[in-house]
Amino acid sequence: MSHAFHLIHGTTLPSDFSRPVVAIGNFDGLHRGHHAVLDAARALGDELGRPAAILTFEPHPRSFFKPDAPLFRLTPEAVKAKLLAQFGLDAMIVLPFDATMAATSAEHFIGEILFKQLNVAGVVVGHDFHFGKGRGGTPQSIAEACLKDGRAARIIEPLMEKDAPVSSSAVRAALAEGDMPRANALLGYRYLFTSEVRHGEKIGRTLGYPTANLRLPENSVLKQGIYAVRVAVGTNVYNGVASYGRRPTFDNGAPLFEVFLFDFSGDLYGQTLTVECVAWQRGEIKFDGIDPLIAQMDKDAAEASRILSEGESPNAPSLLPL
């Protein structure tokens, strides 16, 4: 069933979006393991003639339970919604994860939220989905409740690769190592993020490399260094080279992701860019002066251009412009 994509906060559904099939989970990263769950939700929706959605929570439950150690989000809410629309789902239903939700029993979540408020036609969950107070709910308990109430249910087994499940933590580990081929292969698409361009020190201009300065979350796990990137500016996509780090030659300040776009001229301040990380090239270096820095930047730009022209990550398609 084809619909315009809906981003829904809470359990009040639009009039043209009734009795959905929902896949429940956090789905951080929307990696290949998640794709199996999404595919099953779409297939079940088609089978029942109902729209397919994911049902997720904001903030991430870990941020609620461990506010001092929030998880680095691979796909914040806005990015997740855009990806889901590309992946062919009809909606993302977002429920607040707060003290009330944390105290909600599994039985109440199923009977009141899923069945009464959302009136789901079917539910799809991964094999390890636990929910409700004390994580008392299991995939089996949802499936049994659905069966008893005349609703469909599917439990999806994990996607294994090299004897380990494809997981969000595996993607984060690959990003932390600068292993973009591995991270992108796990995701099934090239890792990307969005950020607003902010004013910097404008040092790049004096070096012949005017950059767009982007700030990543403080708990970003992305390895610092030089990246070959593709960047969406509106509906246009540009190749480029980026430096993520503290600029040791100049100020060792707060980490910035500084992007130089090839073949672009114009003012980007205040715009939100989507950056796709194709390859990590090298770590940060402190240079003894400007000339060796510029020489290295020339090499980095040439290397990024070569990487991007050869189309790295053949198993991970680009989703730009998102």
C-alpha atoms as a PDB file:
ATOM      1  CA  MET A   1       0.000   0.000   0.000  1.00  0.00           C
ATOM      2  CA  SER A   2       1.548   3.280  -1.101  1.00  0.00           C
ATOM      3  CA  HIS A   3       1.331   6.377   1.120  1.00  0.00           C
ATOM      4  CA  ALA A   4       3.134   9.629   1.542  1.00  0.00           C
ATOM      5  CA  PHE A   5       5.620   9.081   4.367  1.00  0.00           C
ATOM      6  CA  HIS A   6       4.277  10.039   7.803  1.00  0.00           C
ATOM      7  CA  LEU A   7       6.361  11.050  10.815  1.00  0.00           C
ATOM      8  CA  ILE A   8       3.987  10.514  13.737  1.00  0.00           C
ATOM      9  CA  HIS A   9       4.652  11.507  17.350  1.00  0.00           C
ATOM     10  CA  GLY A  10       2.420   9.686  19.816  1.00  0.00           C
ATOM     11  CA  THR A  11      -0.389   7.206  19.197  1.00  0.00           C
ATOM     12  CA  THR A  12      -2.888   9.396  17.327  1.00  0.00           C
ATOM     13  CA  LEU A  13      -2.689   8.183  13.728  1.00  0.00           C
ATOM     14  CA  PRO A  14      -3.678  10.173  10.610  1.00  0.00           C
ATOM     15  CA  SER A  15      -7.052   9.245   9.114  1.00  0.00           C
ATOM     16  CA  ASP A  16      -5.391   7.725   6.029  1.00  0.00           C
ATOM     17  CA  PHE A  17      -3.112   5.574   8.170  1.00  0.00           C
ATOM     18  CA  SER A  18      -5.176   3.043  10.082  1.00  0.00           C
ATOM     19  CA  ARG A  19      -4.362  -0.435  11.397  1.00  0.00           C
ATOM     20  CA  PRO A  20      -0.673  -0.454  10.440  1.00  0.00           C
ATOM     21  CA  VAL A  21       1.815  -3.275  10.599  1.00  0.00           C
ATOM     22  CA  VAL A  22       4.552  -2.083  12.960  1.00  0.00           C
ATOM     23  CA  ALA A  23       8.155  -3.180  13.351  1.00  0.00           C
ATOM     24  CA  ILE A  24       9.196  -2.281  16.901  1.00  0.00           C
ATOM     25  CA  GLY A  25      12.687  -1.316  18.035  1.00  0.00           C
ATOM     26  CA  ASN A  26      15.304   1.421  18.251  1.00  0.00           C
ATOM     27  CA  PHE A  27      16.700   0.698  14.775  1.00  0.00           C
ATOM     28  CA  ASP A  28      19.758   2.896  15.326  1.00  0.00           C
ATOM     29  CA  GLY A  29      21.729   2.924  12.093  1.00  0.00           C
ATOM     30  CA  LEU A  30      19.103   1.089  10.051  1.00  0.00           C
ATOM     31  CA  HIS A  31      21.826  -1.438   9.202  1.00  0.00           C
ATOM     32  CA  ARG A  32      21.484  -4.649   7.200  1.00  0.00           C
ATOM     33  CA  GLY A  33      20.284  -6.568  10.260  1.00  0.00           C
ATOM     34  CA  HIS A  34      17.451  -4.055  10.583  1.00  0.00           C
ATOM     35  CA  HIS A  35      16.674  -4.339   6.864  1.00  0.00           C
ATOM     36  CA  ALA A  36      15.494  -7.914   7.424  1.00  0.00           C
ATOM     37  CA  VAL A  37      12.959  -6.642   9.982  1.00  0.00           C
ATOM     38  CA  LEU A  38      11.874  -3.759   7.732  1.00  0.00           C
ATOM     39  CA  ASP A  39      11.503  -6.108   4.745  1.00  0.00           C
ATOM     40  CA  ALA A  40       9.334  -8.444   6.834  1.00  0.00           C
ATOM     41  CA  ALA A  41       7.139  -5.526   7.946  1.00  0.00           C
ATOM     42  CA  ARG A  42       6.693  -4.360   4.333  1.00  0.00           C
ATOM     43  CA  ALA A  43       5.900  -7.906   3.191  1.00  0.00           C
ATOM     44  CA  LEU A  44       3.373  -8.446   5.994  1.00  0.00           C
ATOM     45  CA  GLY A  45       1.799  -5.068   5.248  1.00  0.00           C
ATOM     46  CA  ASP A  46       1.433  -6.033   1.584  1.00  0.00           C
ATOM     47  CA  GLU A  47      -0.015  -9.415   2.579  1.00  0.00           C
ATOM     48  CA  LEU A  48      -2.632  -7.787   4.821  1.00  0.00           C
ATOM     49  CA  GLY A  49      -3.208  -4.740   2.628  1.00  0.00           C
ATOM     50  CA  ARG A  50      -2.054  -2.435   5.425  1.00  0.00           C
ATOM     51  CA  PRO A  51       0.614   0.301   5.654  1.00  0.00           C
ATOM     52  CA  ALA A  52       3.977  -0.610   7.225  1.00  0.00           C
ATOM     53  CA  ALA A  53       5.724   1.501   9.856  1.00  0.00           C
ATOM     54  CA  ILE A  54       8.396   1.320  12.480  1.00  0.00           C
ATOM     55  CA  LEU A  55       7.510   2.055  16.087  1.00  0.00           C
ATOM     56  CA  THR A  56      10.454   3.563  17.906  1.00  0.00           C
ATOM     57  CA  PHE A  57      11.314   5.638  20.955  1.00  0.00           C
ATOM     58  CA  GLU A  58      12.895   9.045  21.634  1.00  0.00           C
ATOM     59  CA  PRO A  59      15.184   9.586  23.333  1.00  0.00           C
ATOM     60  CA  HIS A  60      16.995   6.275  22.969  1.00  0.00           C
ATOM     61  CA  PRO A  61      16.171   4.278  26.134  1.00  0.00           C
ATOM     62  CA  ARG A  62      19.844   4.123  27.026  1.00  0.00           C
ATOM     63  CA  SER A  63      19.923   7.938  27.198  1.00  0.00           C
ATOM     64  CA  PHE A  64      17.078   7.765  29.718  1.00  0.00           C
ATOM     65  CA  PHE A  65      18.637   5.071  31.880  1.00  0.00           C
ATOM     66  CA  LYS A  66      22.235   6.316  31.546  1.00  0.00           C
ATOM     67  CA  PRO A  67      22.023  10.085  30.991  1.00  0.00           C
ATOM     68  CA  ASP A  68      25.723  10.541  31.832  1.00  0.00           C
ATOM     69  CA  ALA A  69      26.785   8.100  29.114  1.00  0.00           C
ATOM     70  CA  PRO A  70      24.410   8.646  26.183  1.00  0.00           C
ATOM     71  CA  LEU A  71      24.871   6.427  23.178  1.00  0.00           C
ATOM     72  CA  PHE A  72      26.345   7.938  20.003  1.00  0.00           C
ATOM     73  CA  ARG A  73      23.400   7.859  17.623  1.00  0.00           C
ATOM     74  CA  LEU A  74      24.174   6.587  14.137  1.00  0.00           C
ATOM     75  CA  THR A  75      20.821   7.856  12.886  1.00  0.00           C
ATOM     76  CA  PRO A  76      19.165  10.617  14.897  1.00  0.00           C
ATOM     77  CA  GLU A  77      15.400  10.904  14.450  1.00  0.00           C
ATOM     78  CA  ALA A  78      15.383  13.193  11.385  1.00  0.00           C
ATOM     79  CA  VAL A  79      17.935  11.074   9.493  1.00  0.00           C
ATOM     80  CA  LYS A  80      16.160   7.848  10.437  1.00  0.00           C
ATOM     81  CA  ALA A  81      12.858   9.169   9.047  1.00  0.00           C
ATOM     82  CA  LYS A  82      14.473  10.158   5.727  1.00  0.00           C
ATOM     83  CA  LEU A  83      16.151   6.756   5.396  1.00  0.00           C
ATOM     84  CA  LEU A  84      12.916   4.890   6.158  1.00  0.00           C
ATOM     85  CA  ALA A  85      11.109   6.808   3.416  1.00  0.00           C
ATOM     86  CA  GLN A  86      13.863   5.743   0.998  1.00  0.00           C
ATOM     87  CA  PHE A  87      13.580   2.140   2.214  1.00  0.00           C
ATOM     88  CA  GLY A  88       9.899   2.077   1.272  1.00  0.00           C
ATOM     89  CA  LEU A  89       8.172   2.264   4.636  1.00  0.00           C
ATOM     90  CA  ASP A  90       5.038   4.322   5.089  1.00  0.00           C
ATOM     91  CA  ALA A  91       5.667   5.863   8.490  1.00  0.00           C
ATOM     92  CA  MET A  92       7.751   6.231  11.622  1.00  0.00           C
ATOM     93  CA  ILE A  93       5.763   6.315  14.851  1.00  0.00           C
ATOM     94  CA  VAL A  94       7.753   7.878  17.695  1.00  0.00           C
ATOM     95  CA  LEU A  95       6.785   7.345  21.325  1.00  0.00           C
ATOM     96  CA  PRO A  96       8.420   9.321  24.152  1.00  0.00           C
ATOM     97  CA  PHE A  97      10.713   7.221  26.322  1.00  0.00           C
ATOM     98  CA  ASP A  98      10.263   8.786  29.737  1.00  0.00           C
ATOM     99  CA  ALA A  99       9.609   7.663  33.308  1.00  0.00           C
ATOM    100  CA  THR A 100       6.045   6.670  32.406  1.00  0.00           C
ATOM    101  CA  MET A 101       7.166   4.501  29.493  1.00  0.00           C
ATOM    102  CA  ALA A 102       9.979   2.975  31.577  1.00  0.00           C
ATOM    103  CA  ALA A 103       7.407   1.956  34.208  1.00  0.00           C
ATOM    104  CA  THR A 104       4.916   0.552  31.678  1.00  0.00           C
ATOM    105  CA  SER A 105       4.458  -3.204  31.964  1.00  0.00           C
ATOM    106  CA  ALA A 106       4.833  -5.402  28.902  1.00  0.00           C
ATOM    107  CA  GLU A 107       1.171  -6.406  29.177  1.00  0.00           C
ATOM    108  CA  HIS A 108       0.009  -2.765  29.253  1.00  0.00           C
ATOM    109  CA  PHE A 109       2.263  -1.882  26.309  1.00  0.00           C
ATOM    110  CA  ILE A 110       0.764  -4.694  24.218  1.00  0.00           C
ATOM    111  CA  GLY A 111      -2.871  -4.367  25.249  1.00  0.00           C
ATOM    112  CA  GLU A 112      -3.205  -0.619  25.647  1.00  0.00           C
ATOM    113  CA  ILE A 113      -0.643   0.926  23.270  1.00  0.00           C
ATOM    114  CA  LEU A 114      -0.328  -1.622  20.466  1.00  0.00           C
ATOM    115  CA  PHE A 115      -3.835  -3.061  20.374  1.00  0.00           C
ATOM    116  CA  LYS A 116      -6.117  -0.304  21.689  1.00  0.00           C
ATOM    117  CA  GLN A 117      -4.426   2.993  20.803  1.00  0.00           C
ATOM    118  CA  LEU A 118      -2.579   2.026  17.594  1.00  0.00           C
ATOM    119  CA  ASN A 119      -4.902  -0.874  16.683  1.00  0.00           C
ATOM    120  CA  VAL A 120      -2.104  -2.639  14.816  1.00  0.00           C
ATOM    121  CA  ALA A 121      -2.880  -5.247  12.178  1.00  0.00           C
ATOM    122  CA  GLY A 122       0.433  -6.970  12.843  1.00  0.00           C
ATOM    123  CA  VAL A 123       3.731  -6.740  14.678  1.00  0.00           C
ATOM    124  CA  VAL A 124       7.279  -7.565  13.549  1.00  0.00           C
ATOM    125  CA  VAL A 125      10.160  -7.779  16.040  1.00  0.00           C
ATOM    126  CA  GLY A 126      13.725  -9.023  16.087  1.00  0.00           C
ATOM    127  CA  HIS A 127      14.574 -12.191  18.005  1.00  0.00           C
ATOM    128  CA  ASP A 128      16.174 -10.228  20.879  1.00  0.00           C
ATOM    129  CA  PHE A 129      13.531  -7.519  21.363  1.00  0.00           C
ATOM    130  CA  HIS A 130      12.738  -7.050  25.051  1.00  0.00           C
ATOM    131  CA  PHE A 131      10.420  -4.351  26.326  1.00  0.00           C
ATOM    132  CA  GLY A 132       8.319  -3.148  29.214  1.00  0.00           C
ATOM    133  CA  LYS A 133       9.196  -2.641  32.853  1.00  0.00           C
ATOM    134  CA  GLY A 134      12.259  -4.701  33.759  1.00  0.00           C
ATOM    135  CA  ARG A 135      12.454  -5.812  30.102  1.00  0.00           C
ATOM    136  CA  GLY A 136       9.805  -8.373  30.964  1.00  0.00           C
ATOM    137  CA  GLY A 137       8.290  -8.559  27.480  1.00  0.00           C
ATOM    138  CA  THR A 138       9.721 -10.931  24.879  1.00  0.00           C
ATOM    139  CA  PRO A 139       9.167 -11.557  21.167  1.00  0.00           C
ATOM    140  CA  GLN A 140       7.239 -14.695  22.153  1.00  0.00           C
ATOM    141  CA  SER A 141       4.915 -12.797  24.497  1.00  0.00           C
ATOM    142  CA  ILE A 142       4.052 -10.311  21.731  1.00  0.00           C
ATOM    143  CA  ALA A 143       3.505 -13.108  19.215  1.00  0.00           C
ATOM    144  CA  GLU A 144       1.247 -15.054  21.607  1.00  0.00           C
ATOM    145  CA  ALA A 145      -0.817 -11.951  22.432  1.00  0.00           C
ATOM    146  CA  CYS A 146      -1.213 -11.148  18.726  1.00  0.00           C
ATOM    147  CA  LEU A 147      -2.277 -14.707  17.895  1.00  0.00           C
ATOM    148  CA  LYS A 148      -4.814 -14.692  20.727  1.00  0.00           C
ATOM    149  CA  ASP A 149      -6.243 -11.347  19.531  1.00  0.00           C
ATOM    150  CA  GLY A 150      -6.403 -12.233  15.827  1.00  0.00           C
ATOM    151  CA  ARG A 151      -3.440 -10.090  14.792  1.00  0.00           C
ATOM    152  CA  ALA A 152      -0.414 -11.157  12.777  1.00  0.00           C
ATOM    153  CA  ALA A 153       3.111 -11.441  14.203  1.00  0.00           C
ATOM    154  CA  ARG A 154       6.574 -12.225  12.870  1.00  0.00           C
ATOM    155  CA  ILE A 155       9.814 -12.819  14.801  1.00  0.00           C
ATOM    156  CA  ILE A 156      12.961 -12.239  12.719  1.00  0.00           C
ATOM    157  CA  GLU A 157      16.210 -14.111  13.312  1.00  0.00           C
ATOM    158  CA  PRO A 158      19.482 -12.134  13.430  1.00  0.00           C
ATOM    159  CA  LEU A 159      21.537 -11.536  10.303  1.00  0.00           C
ATOM    160  CA  MET A 160      24.891 -13.185  10.967  1.00  0.00           C
ATOM    161  CA  GLU A 161      28.195 -12.260   9.368  1.00  0.00           C
ATOM    162  CA  LYS A 162      31.447 -14.009  10.292  1.00  0.00           C
ATOM    163  CA  ASP A 163      29.725 -15.716  13.256  1.00  0.00           C
ATOM    164  CA  ALA A 164      28.575 -12.393  14.752  1.00  0.00           C
ATOM    165  CA  PRO A 165      25.256 -10.603  14.353  1.00  0.00           C
ATOM    166  CA  VAL A 166      25.202  -7.428  12.281  1.00  0.00           C
ATOM    167  CA  SER A 167      24.621  -4.800  14.957  1.00  0.00           C
ATOM    168  CA  SER A 168      24.705  -1.070  15.696  1.00  0.00           C
ATOM    169  CA  SER A 169      27.625  -1.614  18.093  1.00  0.00           C
ATOM    170  CA  ALA A 170      29.602  -3.337  15.317  1.00  0.00           C
ATOM    171  CA  VAL A 171      28.997  -0.306  13.075  1.00  0.00           C
ATOM    172  CA  ARG A 172      30.170   2.052  15.835  1.00  0.00           C
ATOM    173  CA  ALA A 173      33.291  -0.061  16.367  1.00  0.00           C
ATOM    174  CA  ALA A 174      34.130   0.114  12.640  1.00  0.00           C
ATOM    175  CA  LEU A 175      33.614   3.901  12.593  1.00  0.00           C
ATOM    176  CA  ALA A 176      35.885   4.267  15.635  1.00  0.00           C
ATOM    177  CA  GLU A 177      38.627   2.383  13.758  1.00  0.00           C
ATOM    178  CA  GLY A 178      38.212   4.437  10.589  1.00  0.00           C
ATOM    179  CA  ASP A 179      37.210   1.232   8.793  1.00  0.00           C
ATOM    180  CA  MET A 180      34.683   2.780   6.426  1.00  0.00           C
ATOM    181  CA  PRO A 181      34.464  -0.250   4.082  1.00  0.00           C
ATOM    182  CA  ARG A 182      33.460  -2.378   7.081  1.00  0.00           C
ATOM    183  CA  ALA A 183      31.039   0.199   8.523  1.00  0.00           C
ATOM    184  CA  ASN A 184      29.409   0.778   5.140  1.00  0.00           C
ATOM    185  CA  ALA A 185      29.154  -2.953   4.409  1.00  0.00           C
ATOM    186  CA  LEU A 186      27.393  -3.495   7.750  1.00  0.00           C
ATOM    187  CA  LEU A 187      25.027  -0.590   7.100  1.00  0.00           C
ATOM    188  CA  GLY A 188      24.264  -1.604   3.530  1.00  0.00           C
ATOM    189  CA  TYR A 189      24.686   2.033   2.497  1.00  0.00           C
ATOM    190  CA  ARG A 190      27.409   4.640   2.996  1.00  0.00           C
ATOM    191  CA  TYR A 191      27.493   6.143   6.491  1.00  0.00           C
ATOM    192  CA  LEU A 192      26.152   9.676   6.512  1.00  0.00           C
ATOM    193  CA  PHE A 193      25.255  12.434   8.926  1.00  0.00           C
ATOM    194  CA  THR A 194      23.644  15.865   8.779  1.00  0.00           C
ATOM    195  CA  SER A 195      24.926  19.061  10.399  1.00  0.00           C
ATOM    196  CA  GLU A 196      24.473  22.796  10.080  1.00  0.00           C
ATOM    197  CA  VAL A 197      27.365  24.868   8.725  1.00  0.00           C
ATOM    198  CA  ARG A 198      28.716  27.273  11.342  1.00  0.00           C
ATOM    199  CA  HIS A 199      31.251  30.076  11.273  1.00  0.00           C
ATOM    200  CA  GLY A 200      34.841  29.039  11.958  1.00  0.00           C
ATOM    201  CA  GLU A 201      38.200  30.784  12.112  1.00  0.00           C
ATOM    202  CA  LYS A 202      38.281  31.002   8.288  1.00  0.00           C
ATOM    203  CA  ILE A 203      41.858  29.660   8.282  1.00  0.00           C
ATOM    204  CA  GLY A 204      41.051  27.417   5.306  1.00  0.00           C
ATOM    205  CA  ARG A 205      40.468  30.410   3.057  1.00  0.00           C
ATOM    206  CA  THR A 206      44.023  31.641   3.599  1.00  0.00           C
ATOM    207  CA  LEU A 207      45.329  28.162   2.659  1.00  0.00           C
ATOM    208  CA  GLY A 208      43.351  27.955  -0.569  1.00  0.00           C
ATOM    209  CA  TYR A 209      40.901  25.463   0.978  1.00  0.00           C
ATOM    210  CA  PRO A 210      37.771  27.289   2.177  1.00  0.00           C
ATOM    211  CA  THR A 211      35.890  24.796   4.332  1.00  0.00           C
ATOM    212  CA  ALA A 212      32.378  24.359   5.670  1.00  0.00           C
ATOM    213  CA  ASN A 213      32.648  23.834   9.426  1.00  0.00           C
ATOM    214  CA  LEU A 214      30.367  21.219  10.953  1.00  0.00           C
ATOM    215  CA  ARG A 215      30.098  20.095  14.560  1.00  0.00           C
ATOM    216  CA  LEU A 216      29.443  16.476  15.433  1.00  0.00           C
ATOM    217  CA  PRO A 217      27.920  15.354  18.748  1.00  0.00           C
ATOM    218  CA  GLU A 218      30.340  15.432  21.692  1.00  0.00           C
ATOM    219  CA  ASN A 219      30.062  11.654  22.041  1.00  0.00           C
ATOM    220  CA  SER A 220      30.807  10.974  18.366  1.00  0.00           C
ATOM    221  CA  VAL A 221      32.883   7.811  17.904  1.00  0.00           C
ATOM    222  CA  LEU A 222      33.996   8.731  14.377  1.00  0.00           C
ATOM    223  CA  LYS A 223      37.774   8.363  14.057  1.00  0.00           C
ATOM    224  CA  GLN A 224      39.524  11.672  13.662  1.00  0.00           C
ATOM    225  CA  GLY A 225      41.515  12.259  10.488  1.00  0.00           C
ATOM    226  CA  ILE A 226      41.070  12.932   6.773  1.00  0.00           C
ATOM    227  CA  TYR A 227      38.080  11.585   4.827  1.00  0.00           C
ATOM    228  CA  ALA A 228      36.992  11.322   1.212  1.00  0.00           C
ATOM    229  CA  VAL A 229      33.397  12.537   1.294  1.00  0.00           C
ATOM    230  CA  ARG A 230      30.359  13.263  -0.813  1.00  0.00           C
ATOM    231  CA  VAL A 231      28.156  16.114   0.322  1.00  0.00           C
ATOM    232  CA  ALA A 232      24.564  16.998  -0.501  1.00  0.00           C
ATOM    233  CA  VAL A 233      23.860  20.723  -0.691  1.00  0.00           C
ATOM    234  CA  GLY A 234      20.119  20.758  -1.262  1.00  0.00           C
ATOM    235  CA  THR A 235      19.568  18.409  -4.205  1.00  0.00           C
ATOM    236  CA  ASN A 236      23.121  18.834  -5.559  1.00  0.00           C
ATOM    237  CA  VAL A 237      25.878  16.404  -4.569  1.00  0.00           C
ATOM    238  CA  TYR A 238      29.576  17.339  -4.556  1.00  0.00           C
ATOM    239  CA  ASN A 239      32.746  15.341  -4.042  1.00  0.00           C
ATOM    240  CA  GLY A 240      35.107  16.632  -1.401  1.00  0.00           C
ATOM    241  CA  VAL A 241      37.756  16.040   1.227  1.00  0.00           C
ATOM    242  CA  ALA A 242      37.240  16.568   4.958  1.00  0.00           C
ATOM    243  CA  SER A 243      39.303  16.891   8.099  1.00  0.00           C
ATOM    244  CA  TYR A 244      37.797  15.797  11.400  1.00  0.00           C
ATOM    245  CA  GLY A 245      39.736  16.758  14.494  1.00  0.00           C
ATOM    246  CA  ARG A 246      41.306  19.467  16.625  1.00  0.00           C
ATOM    247  CA  ARG A 247      43.576  21.201  14.042  1.00  0.00           C
ATOM    248  CA  PRO A 248      46.876  20.479  15.867  1.00  0.00           C
ATOM    249  CA  THR A 249      48.888  22.843  13.634  1.00  0.00           C
ATOM    250  CA  PHE A 250      46.751  25.790  14.773  1.00  0.00           C
ATOM    251  CA  ASP A 251      44.727  25.592  17.957  1.00  0.00           C
ATOM    252  CA  ASN A 252      43.915  22.063  19.198  1.00  0.00           C
ATOM    253  CA  GLY A 253      40.373  23.314  19.828  1.00  0.00           C
ATOM    254  CA  ALA A 254      37.080  21.436  20.020  1.00  0.00           C
ATOM    255  CA  PRO A 255      36.748  18.789  17.281  1.00  0.00           C
ATOM    256  CA  LEU A 256      35.333  20.100  14.009  1.00  0.00           C
ATOM    257  CA  PHE A 257      34.420  18.312  10.801  1.00  0.00           C
ATOM    258  CA  GLU A 258      35.739  20.666   8.096  1.00  0.00           C
ATOM    259  CA  VAL A 259      34.630  19.941   4.534  1.00  0.00           C
ATOM    260  CA  PHE A 260      36.190  21.265   1.339  1.00  0.00           C
ATOM    261  CA  LEU A 261      33.928  20.747  -1.670  1.00  0.00           C
ATOM    262  CA  PHE A 262      35.478  20.283  -5.104  1.00  0.00           C
ATOM    263  CA  ASP A 263      33.978  22.423  -7.877  1.00  0.00           C
ATOM    264  CA  PHE A 264      31.804  24.475  -5.554  1.00  0.00           C
ATOM    265  CA  SER A 265      31.611  28.195  -4.938  1.00  0.00           C
ATOM    266  CA  GLY A 266      29.069  29.948  -2.768  1.00  0.00           C
ATOM    267  CA  ASP A 267      28.062  30.684   0.802  1.00  0.00           C
ATOM    268  CA  LEU A 268      27.031  27.674   2.901  1.00  0.00           C
ATOM    269  CA  TYR A 269      26.631  29.365   6.308  1.00  0.00           C
ATOM    270  CA  GLY A 270      23.445  28.289   8.060  1.00  0.00           C
ATOM    271  CA  GLN A 271      22.707  25.511   5.583  1.00  0.00           C
ATOM    272  CA  THR A 272      22.277  21.913   6.711  1.00  0.00           C
ATOM    273  CA  LEU A 273      24.537  19.537   4.785  1.00  0.00           C
ATOM    274  CA  THR A 274      24.336  15.767   4.494  1.00  0.00           C
ATOM    275  CA  VAL A 275      27.829  14.278   4.487  1.00  0.00           C
ATOM    276  CA  GLU A 276      28.555  10.764   3.249  1.00  0.00           C
ATOM    277  CA  CYS A 277      31.849   9.273   4.487  1.00  0.00           C
ATOM    278  CA  VAL A 278      33.310   7.095   1.739  1.00  0.00           C
ATOM    279  CA  ALA A 279      36.855   6.430   2.996  1.00  0.00           C
ATOM    280  CA  TRP A 280      39.169   7.341   5.884  1.00  0.00           C
ATOM    281  CA  GLN A 281      42.538   8.386   4.442  1.00  0.00           C
ATOM    282  CA  ARG A 282      44.906   9.167   7.331  1.00  0.00           C
ATOM    283  CA  GLY A 283      45.144  10.491  10.873  1.00  0.00           C
ATOM    284  CA  GLU A 284      45.783  14.087  11.913  1.00  0.00           C
ATOM    285  CA  ILE A 285      49.343  15.428  11.708  1.00  0.00           C
ATOM    286  CA  LYS A 286      50.907  18.515  13.296  1.00  0.00           C
ATOM    287  CA  PHE A 287      52.959  20.403  10.704  1.00  0.00           C
ATOM    288  CA  ASP A 288      55.918  22.747  11.240  1.00  0.00           C
ATOM    289  CA  GLY A 289      54.468  25.647   9.329  1.00  0.00           C
ATOM    290  CA  ILE A 290      51.991  26.440   6.593  1.00  0.00           C
ATOM    291  CA  ASP A 291      53.865  25.238   3.482  1.00  0.00           C
ATOM    292  CA  PRO A 292      54.135  21.540   4.440  1.00  0.00           C
ATOM    293  CA  LEU A 293      50.471  21.659   5.569  1.00  0.00           C
ATOM    294  CA  ILE A 294      49.334  23.023   2.189  1.00  0.00           C
ATOM    295  CA  ALA A 295      51.459  20.420   0.364  1.00  0.00           C
ATOM    296  CA  GLN A 296      49.797  17.644   2.383  1.00  0.00           C
ATOM    297  CA  MET A 297      46.335  19.130   1.801  1.00  0.00           C
ATOM    298  CA  ASP A 298      47.021  19.053  -1.929  1.00  0.00           C
ATOM    299  CA  LYS A 299      47.931  15.353  -1.633  1.00  0.00           C
ATOM    300  CA  ASP A 300      44.842  14.623   0.485  1.00  0.00           C
ATOM    301  CA  ALA A 301      42.544  16.342  -2.015  1.00  0.00           C
ATOM    302  CA  ALA A 302      44.103  14.428  -4.933  1.00  0.00           C
ATOM    303  CA  GLU A 303      43.773  11.131  -3.036  1.00  0.00           C
ATOM    304  CA  ALA A 304      40.136  11.853  -2.142  1.00  0.00           C
ATOM    305  CA  SER A 305      39.406  12.709  -5.770  1.00  0.00           C
ATOM    306  CA  ARG A 306      40.971   9.411  -6.877  1.00  0.00           C
ATOM    307  CA  ILE A 307      39.021   7.378  -4.309  1.00  0.00           C
ATOM    308  CA  LEU A 308      35.718   9.015  -5.231  1.00  0.00           C
ATOM    309  CA  SER A 309      36.303   8.623  -8.980  1.00  0.00           C
ATOM    310  CA  GLU A 310      36.886   4.900  -8.458  1.00  0.00           C
ATOM    311  CA  GLY A 311      33.621   4.570  -6.529  1.00  0.00           C
ATOM    312  CA  GLU A 312      34.689   2.851  -3.300  1.00  0.00           C
ATOM    313  CA  SER A 313      32.134   0.827  -1.273  1.00  0.00           C
ATOM    314  CA  PRO A 314      30.584  -1.125  -4.175  1.00  0.00           C
ATOM    315  CA  ASN A 315      28.444  -3.108  -1.690  1.00  0.00           C
ATOM    316  CA  ALA A 316      27.185   0.052  -0.049  1.00  0.00           C
ATOM    317  CA  PRO A 317      25.188   2.288  -2.396  1.00  0.00           C
ATOM    318  CA  SER A 318      25.024   6.033  -1.971  1.00  0.00           C
ATOM    319  CA  LEU A 319      21.697   7.374  -0.687  1.00  0.00           C
ATOM    320  CA  LEU A 320      22.459  11.004  -1.593  1.00  0.00           C
ATOM    321  CA  PRO A 321      20.732  13.315  -1.974  1.00  0.00           C
ATOM    322  CA  LEU A 322      18.798  12.183   1.075  1.00  0.00           C
END
